[in-house]
Amino acid sequence: MSKIQWQDNFNIGIDEIDLQHKKLLQIFNELYALSTDGSQNYRVLIGKTLKKTV
């Protein structure tokens, strides 16, 4: 699996919701990166990432 890039065809046409979806995708990509980087404190970093709000 690799990072998912936002594409314009993901837009649904409602700006607020499109921004929320972009933020969710960003959080997903951060979680993926943390889970694969081998950091010793990845659990702490994942917890911080999951607490981000949309």
N, C-alpha and C. Protein backbone atom coordinates (compact mmCIF):
# COMPACT_ATOMS: atom_id res chain seq x y z
N MET A 1 0.85 -1.17 0.00
CA MET A 1 0.00 0.00 0.00
C MET A 1 0.90 1.23 0.00
N SER A 2 0.43 2.28 -0.64
CA SER A 2 1.20 3.52 -0.66
C SER A 2 0.29 4.70 -0.36
N LYS A 3 0.90 5.84 -0.23
CA LYS A 3 0.17 7.07 0.06
C LYS A 3 -0.90 7.32 -1.00
N ILE A 4 -2.06 7.76 -0.56
CA ILE A 4 -3.15 8.07 -1.48
C ILE A 4 -3.12 9.56 -1.78
N GLN A 5 -3.05 9.89 -3.04
CA GLN A 5 -3.05 11.28 -3.48
C GLN A 5 -4.48 11.73 -3.75
N TRP A 6 -4.83 12.92 -3.27
CA TRP A 6 -6.16 13.47 -3.53
C TRP A 6 -6.30 13.73 -5.02
N GLN A 7 -7.46 13.36 -5.54
CA GLN A 7 -7.76 13.62 -6.95
C GLN A 7 -9.05 14.41 -7.03
N ASP A 8 -9.14 15.26 -8.02
CA ASP A 8 -10.32 16.11 -8.15
C ASP A 8 -11.61 15.31 -8.31
N ASN A 9 -11.53 14.11 -8.85
CA ASN A 9 -12.75 13.33 -9.01
C ASN A 9 -13.26 12.78 -7.67
N PHE A 10 -12.51 12.97 -6.57
CA PHE A 10 -12.99 12.62 -5.23
C PHE A 10 -13.98 13.66 -4.71
N ASN A 11 -13.94 14.87 -5.26
CA ASN A 11 -14.82 15.95 -4.81
C ASN A 11 -16.29 15.58 -5.03
N ILE A 12 -17.12 15.96 -4.06
CA ILE A 12 -18.55 15.73 -4.22
C ILE A 12 -19.28 17.03 -4.53
N GLY A 13 -18.57 18.16 -4.48
CA GLY A 13 -19.16 19.44 -4.83
C GLY A 13 -19.65 20.25 -3.66
N ILE A 14 -19.47 19.76 -2.45
CA ILE A 14 -19.83 20.51 -1.25
C ILE A 14 -18.51 20.83 -0.55
N ASP A 15 -18.11 22.12 -0.61
CA ASP A 15 -16.77 22.51 -0.18
C ASP A 15 -16.42 22.03 1.22
N GLU A 16 -17.31 22.21 2.17
CA GLU A 16 -17.03 21.83 3.56
C GLU A 16 -16.74 20.33 3.68
N ILE A 17 -17.54 19.53 3.01
CA ILE A 17 -17.36 18.08 3.07
C ILE A 17 -16.11 17.67 2.31
N ASP A 18 -15.85 18.30 1.18
CA ASP A 18 -14.63 17.99 0.43
C ASP A 18 -13.39 18.28 1.27
N LEU A 19 -13.40 19.38 2.02
CA LEU A 19 -12.27 19.70 2.89
C LEU A 19 -12.13 18.67 4.00
N GLN A 20 -13.24 18.20 4.54
CA GLN A 20 -13.20 17.16 5.57
C GLN A 20 -12.62 15.87 5.01
N HIS A 21 -13.01 15.53 3.81
CA HIS A 21 -12.49 14.31 3.19
C HIS A 21 -10.98 14.43 2.93
N LYS A 22 -10.54 15.61 2.51
CA LYS A 22 -9.11 15.82 2.29
C LYS A 22 -8.34 15.66 3.59
N LYS A 23 -8.91 16.19 4.68
CA LYS A 23 -8.26 16.07 5.99
C LYS A 23 -8.21 14.61 6.43
N LEU A 24 -9.29 13.86 6.23
CA LEU A 24 -9.29 12.44 6.58
C LEU A 24 -8.23 11.68 5.79
N LEU A 25 -8.10 12.00 4.53
CA LEU A 25 -7.09 11.35 3.70
C LEU A 25 -5.69 11.70 4.20
N GLN A 26 -5.49 12.94 4.61
CA GLN A 26 -4.20 13.35 5.15
C GLN A 26 -3.89 12.57 6.44
N ILE A 27 -4.89 12.43 7.31
CA ILE A 27 -4.70 11.67 8.55
C ILE A 27 -4.39 10.22 8.23
N PHE A 28 -5.10 9.63 7.30
CA PHE A 28 -4.83 8.25 6.89
C PHE A 28 -3.39 8.10 6.42
N ASN A 29 -2.94 9.02 5.58
CA ASN A 29 -1.58 8.95 5.06
C ASN A 29 -0.55 9.10 6.18
N GLU A 30 -0.84 9.96 7.17
CA GLU A 30 0.05 10.10 8.31
C GLU A 30 0.12 8.80 9.11
N LEU A 31 -1.04 8.17 9.34
CA LEU A 31 -1.07 6.91 10.07
C LEU A 31 -0.30 5.84 9.34
N TYR A 32 -0.47 5.78 8.04
CA TYR A 32 0.26 4.80 7.24
C TYR A 32 1.76 5.02 7.36
N ALA A 33 2.18 6.27 7.23
CA ALA A 33 3.60 6.58 7.33
C ALA A 33 4.16 6.20 8.70
N LEU A 34 3.41 6.49 9.74
CA LEU A 34 3.86 6.16 11.09
C LEU A 34 3.96 4.65 11.30
N SER A 35 3.06 3.92 10.69
CA SER A 35 3.05 2.47 10.89
C SER A 35 4.17 1.77 10.14
N THR A 36 4.79 2.45 9.21
CA THR A 36 5.82 1.82 8.40
C THR A 36 7.21 2.40 8.59
N ASP A 37 7.35 3.43 9.44
CA ASP A 37 8.67 4.07 9.54
C ASP A 37 9.60 3.43 10.56
N GLY A 38 9.09 2.51 11.37
CA GLY A 38 9.95 1.81 12.33
C GLY A 38 10.32 2.60 13.56
N SER A 39 9.65 3.71 13.79
CA SER A 39 9.92 4.53 14.96
C SER A 39 9.59 3.78 16.24
N GLN A 40 10.41 3.98 17.25
CA GLN A 40 10.20 3.30 18.53
C GLN A 40 8.95 3.81 19.25
N ASN A 41 8.59 5.07 19.03
CA ASN A 41 7.43 5.63 19.73
C ASN A 41 6.23 5.81 18.80
N TYR A 42 6.10 4.92 17.84
CA TYR A 42 5.02 5.06 16.86
C TYR A 42 3.64 5.00 17.51
N ARG A 43 3.50 4.25 18.60
CA ARG A 43 2.19 4.17 19.26
C ARG A 43 1.76 5.52 19.81
N VAL A 44 2.69 6.25 20.37
CA VAL A 44 2.39 7.59 20.88
C VAL A 44 2.01 8.51 19.73
N LEU A 45 2.79 8.45 18.67
CA LEU A 45 2.54 9.32 17.51
C LEU A 45 1.22 8.97 16.84
N ILE A 46 0.90 7.68 16.75
CA ILE A 46 -0.38 7.28 16.18
C ILE A 46 -1.53 7.79 17.04
N GLY A 47 -1.37 7.71 18.36
CA GLY A 47 -2.41 8.22 19.27
C GLY A 47 -2.65 9.71 19.06
N LYS A 48 -1.57 10.47 18.90
CA LYS A 48 -1.69 11.92 18.66
C LYS A 48 -2.39 12.18 17.32
N THR A 49 -2.05 11.40 16.33
CA THR A 49 -2.64 11.58 15.01
C THR A 49 -4.13 11.28 15.05
N LEU A 50 -4.51 10.22 15.77
CA LEU A 50 -5.92 9.84 15.85
C LEU A 50 -6.77 10.87 16.59
N LYS A 51 -6.14 11.67 17.44
CA LYS A 51 -6.87 12.69 18.19
C LYS A 51 -7.13 13.96 17.38
N LYS A 52 -6.55 14.04 16.21
CA LYS A 52 -6.80 15.21 15.35
C LYS A 52 -8.26 15.25 14.95
N THR A 53 -8.78 16.44 14.86
CA THR A 53 -10.19 16.57 14.46
C THR A 53 -10.30 16.96 13.01
N VAL A 54 -11.42 16.65 12.44
CA VAL A 54 -11.68 16.96 11.03
C VAL A 54 -12.35 18.30 10.93
